[in-house]
């Protein structure tokens, strides 16, 4: 979904993939019972949101 279609639809696909990856990594970290591995999904969540804002700002210039 993030590889085809209009840029706005790709942005939605990118967000969906980010949420899925964060959820999957969080579940794995909890199932392994290792607190240190929760750092990865937290960092991914912190990086995904600003990345989406930058991408959306680039799309704002398109008709």
N, C-alpha and C. Protein backbone atom coordinates (compact mmCIF):
# COMPACT_ATOMS: atom_id res chain seq x y z
N UNK A 1 0.81 -1.18 0.00
CA UNK A 1 0.00 0.00 0.00
C UNK A 1 0.87 1.26 0.00
N UNK A 2 2.03 1.18 0.61
CA UNK A 2 2.89 2.36 0.67
C UNK A 2 3.74 2.51 -0.58
N UNK A 3 3.70 1.54 -1.49
CA UNK A 3 4.54 1.59 -2.67
C UNK A 3 3.79 2.03 -3.92
N UNK A 4 2.46 1.99 -3.90
CA UNK A 4 1.68 2.32 -5.09
C UNK A 4 0.66 3.39 -4.76
N UNK A 5 0.16 4.03 -5.80
CA UNK A 5 -0.93 4.98 -5.62
C UNK A 5 -0.46 6.41 -5.48
N UNK A 6 -1.42 7.23 -5.15
CA UNK A 6 -1.15 8.66 -4.99
C UNK A 6 -0.29 8.90 -3.75
N UNK A 7 0.45 9.98 -3.73
CA UNK A 7 1.31 10.25 -2.57
C UNK A 7 0.57 10.31 -1.25
N UNK A 8 -0.65 10.83 -1.26
CA UNK A 8 -1.41 10.90 -0.01
C UNK A 8 -1.79 9.50 0.49
N UNK A 9 -2.08 8.60 -0.42
CA UNK A 9 -2.39 7.22 -0.02
C UNK A 9 -1.13 6.50 0.46
N UNK A 10 0.00 6.83 -0.13
CA UNK A 10 1.26 6.23 0.32
C UNK A 10 1.59 6.68 1.74
N UNK A 11 1.24 7.92 2.06
CA UNK A 11 1.46 8.42 3.41
C UNK A 11 0.64 7.62 4.42
N UNK A 12 -0.59 7.31 4.07
CA UNK A 12 -1.44 6.49 4.95
C UNK A 12 -0.84 5.10 5.10
N UNK A 13 -0.34 4.53 4.01
CA UNK A 13 0.30 3.23 4.08
C UNK A 13 1.56 3.24 4.93
N UNK A 14 2.31 4.31 4.84
CA UNK A 14 3.51 4.45 5.66
C UNK A 14 3.16 4.53 7.14
N UNK A 15 2.13 5.27 7.47
CA UNK A 15 1.69 5.36 8.86
C UNK A 15 1.19 4.00 9.36
N UNK A 16 0.43 3.30 8.53
CA UNK A 16 -0.08 1.99 8.92
C UNK A 16 1.06 1.01 9.16
N UNK A 17 2.07 1.04 8.30
CA UNK A 17 3.22 0.16 8.48
C UNK A 17 3.98 0.51 9.75
N UNK A 18 4.10 1.78 10.04
CA UNK A 18 4.78 2.20 11.27
C UNK A 18 4.04 1.75 12.52
N UNK A 19 2.73 1.90 12.52
CA UNK A 19 1.93 1.46 13.67
C UNK A 19 2.02 -0.05 13.83
N UNK A 20 1.97 -0.77 12.71
CA UNK A 20 2.08 -2.23 12.77
C UNK A 20 3.43 -2.68 13.31
N UNK A 21 4.49 -2.03 12.87
CA UNK A 21 5.82 -2.39 13.35
C UNK A 21 5.98 -2.08 14.84
N UNK A 22 5.46 -0.95 15.27
CA UNK A 22 5.54 -0.59 16.69
C UNK A 22 4.77 -1.59 17.53
N UNK A 23 3.57 -1.96 17.08
CA UNK A 23 2.76 -2.93 17.82
C UNK A 23 3.44 -4.29 17.88
N UNK A 24 3.98 -4.74 16.75
CA UNK A 24 4.64 -6.04 16.71
C UNK A 24 5.87 -6.07 17.62
N UNK A 25 6.68 -5.04 17.57
CA UNK A 25 7.87 -4.99 18.41
C UNK A 25 7.52 -4.89 19.89
N UNK A 26 6.45 -4.17 20.20
CA UNK A 26 6.02 -4.07 21.60
C UNK A 26 5.54 -5.41 22.13
N UNK A 27 4.77 -6.13 21.33
CA UNK A 27 4.28 -7.45 21.75
C UNK A 27 5.45 -8.41 21.93
N UNK A 28 6.41 -8.38 21.03
CA UNK A 28 7.59 -9.24 21.17
C UNK A 28 8.38 -8.90 22.42
N UNK A 29 8.54 -7.63 22.71
CA UNK A 29 9.29 -7.23 23.90
C UNK A 29 8.60 -7.69 25.17
N UNK A 30 7.28 -7.58 25.21
CA UNK A 30 6.54 -8.01 26.40
C UNK A 30 6.56 -9.53 26.51
N UNK A 31 6.43 -10.23 25.39
CA UNK A 31 6.42 -11.69 25.46
C UNK A 31 7.78 -12.26 25.85
N UNK A 32 8.87 -11.56 25.50
CA UNK A 32 10.21 -12.02 25.90
C UNK A 32 10.53 -11.62 27.33
N UNK A 33 9.71 -10.75 27.93
CA UNK A 33 9.89 -10.26 29.30
C UNK A 33 11.25 -9.60 29.50
N UNK A 34 11.63 -8.80 28.54
CA UNK A 34 12.89 -8.06 28.63
C UNK A 34 12.56 -6.57 28.46
N UNK A 35 12.68 -5.85 29.54
CA UNK A 35 12.31 -4.44 29.51
C UNK A 35 13.19 -3.61 28.58
N UNK A 36 14.43 -3.96 28.45
CA UNK A 36 15.34 -3.17 27.63
C UNK A 36 14.92 -3.18 26.16
N UNK A 37 14.23 -4.24 25.73
CA UNK A 37 13.85 -4.31 24.31
C UNK A 37 12.65 -3.43 23.98
N UNK A 38 12.03 -2.81 24.97
CA UNK A 38 10.96 -1.85 24.71
C UNK A 38 11.50 -0.52 24.18
N UNK A 39 12.81 -0.35 24.25
CA UNK A 39 13.41 0.89 23.75
C UNK A 39 13.23 1.01 22.24
N UNK A 40 13.33 -0.10 21.54
CA UNK A 40 13.24 -0.07 20.07
C UNK A 40 11.88 0.44 19.60
N UNK A 41 10.74 -0.12 20.06
CA UNK A 41 9.47 0.44 19.58
C UNK A 41 9.22 1.87 20.05
N UNK A 42 9.73 2.24 21.21
CA UNK A 42 9.56 3.62 21.66
C UNK A 42 10.33 4.60 20.77
N UNK A 43 11.54 4.24 20.41
CA UNK A 43 12.33 5.10 19.52
C UNK A 43 11.67 5.15 18.14
N UNK A 44 11.17 4.01 17.67
CA UNK A 44 10.49 3.99 16.37
C UNK A 44 9.26 4.89 16.39
N UNK A 45 8.53 4.88 17.48
CA UNK A 45 7.36 5.75 17.60
C UNK A 45 7.77 7.22 17.59
N UNK A 46 8.87 7.54 18.25
CA UNK A 46 9.33 8.93 18.29
C UNK A 46 9.86 9.40 16.94
N UNK A 47 10.39 8.49 16.14
CA UNK A 47 10.95 8.86 14.84
C UNK A 47 9.88 8.87 13.75
N UNK A 48 8.89 8.00 13.86
CA UNK A 48 7.86 7.89 12.83
C UNK A 48 7.01 9.15 12.73
N UNK A 49 6.61 9.69 13.86
CA UNK A 49 5.72 10.86 13.84
C UNK A 49 6.35 12.08 13.18
N UNK A 50 7.56 12.49 13.56
CA UNK A 50 8.16 13.64 12.86
C UNK A 50 8.44 13.35 11.38
N UNK A 51 8.77 12.11 11.07
CA UNK A 51 8.98 11.76 9.67
C UNK A 51 7.71 11.94 8.85
N UNK A 52 6.59 11.58 9.43
CA UNK A 52 5.31 11.76 8.76
C UNK A 52 4.99 13.24 8.58
N UNK A 53 5.31 14.04 9.58
CA UNK A 53 5.06 15.47 9.46
C UNK A 53 5.89 16.09 8.33
N UNK A 54 7.13 15.66 8.20
CA UNK A 54 7.98 16.18 7.12
C UNK A 54 7.43 15.76 5.77
N UNK A 55 7.03 14.50 5.66
CA UNK A 55 6.47 14.00 4.40
C UNK A 55 5.18 14.73 4.05
N UNK A 56 4.33 14.97 5.05
CA UNK A 56 3.08 15.69 4.81
C UNK A 56 3.35 17.13 4.39
N UNK A 57 4.37 17.73 4.95
CA UNK A 57 4.70 19.10 4.56
C UNK A 57 5.19 19.15 3.11
N UNK A 58 5.94 18.13 2.70
CA UNK A 58 6.37 18.07 1.30
C UNK A 58 5.17 17.89 0.37
N UNK A 59 4.18 17.12 0.82
CA UNK A 59 2.99 16.90 0.00
C UNK A 59 2.10 18.13 -0.07
N UNK A 60 2.22 19.02 0.89
CA UNK A 60 1.36 20.20 0.92
C UNK A 60 1.57 21.10 -0.29
N UNK A 61 2.73 21.03 -0.88
CA UNK A 61 3.01 21.85 -2.05
C UNK A 61 2.42 21.28 -3.33
N UNK A 62 1.99 20.02 -3.32
CA UNK A 62 1.42 19.40 -4.52
C UNK A 62 -0.06 19.75 -4.66
N UNK A 63 -0.54 19.82 -5.91
CA UNK A 63 -1.97 20.11 -6.12
C UNK A 63 -2.85 18.93 -5.79
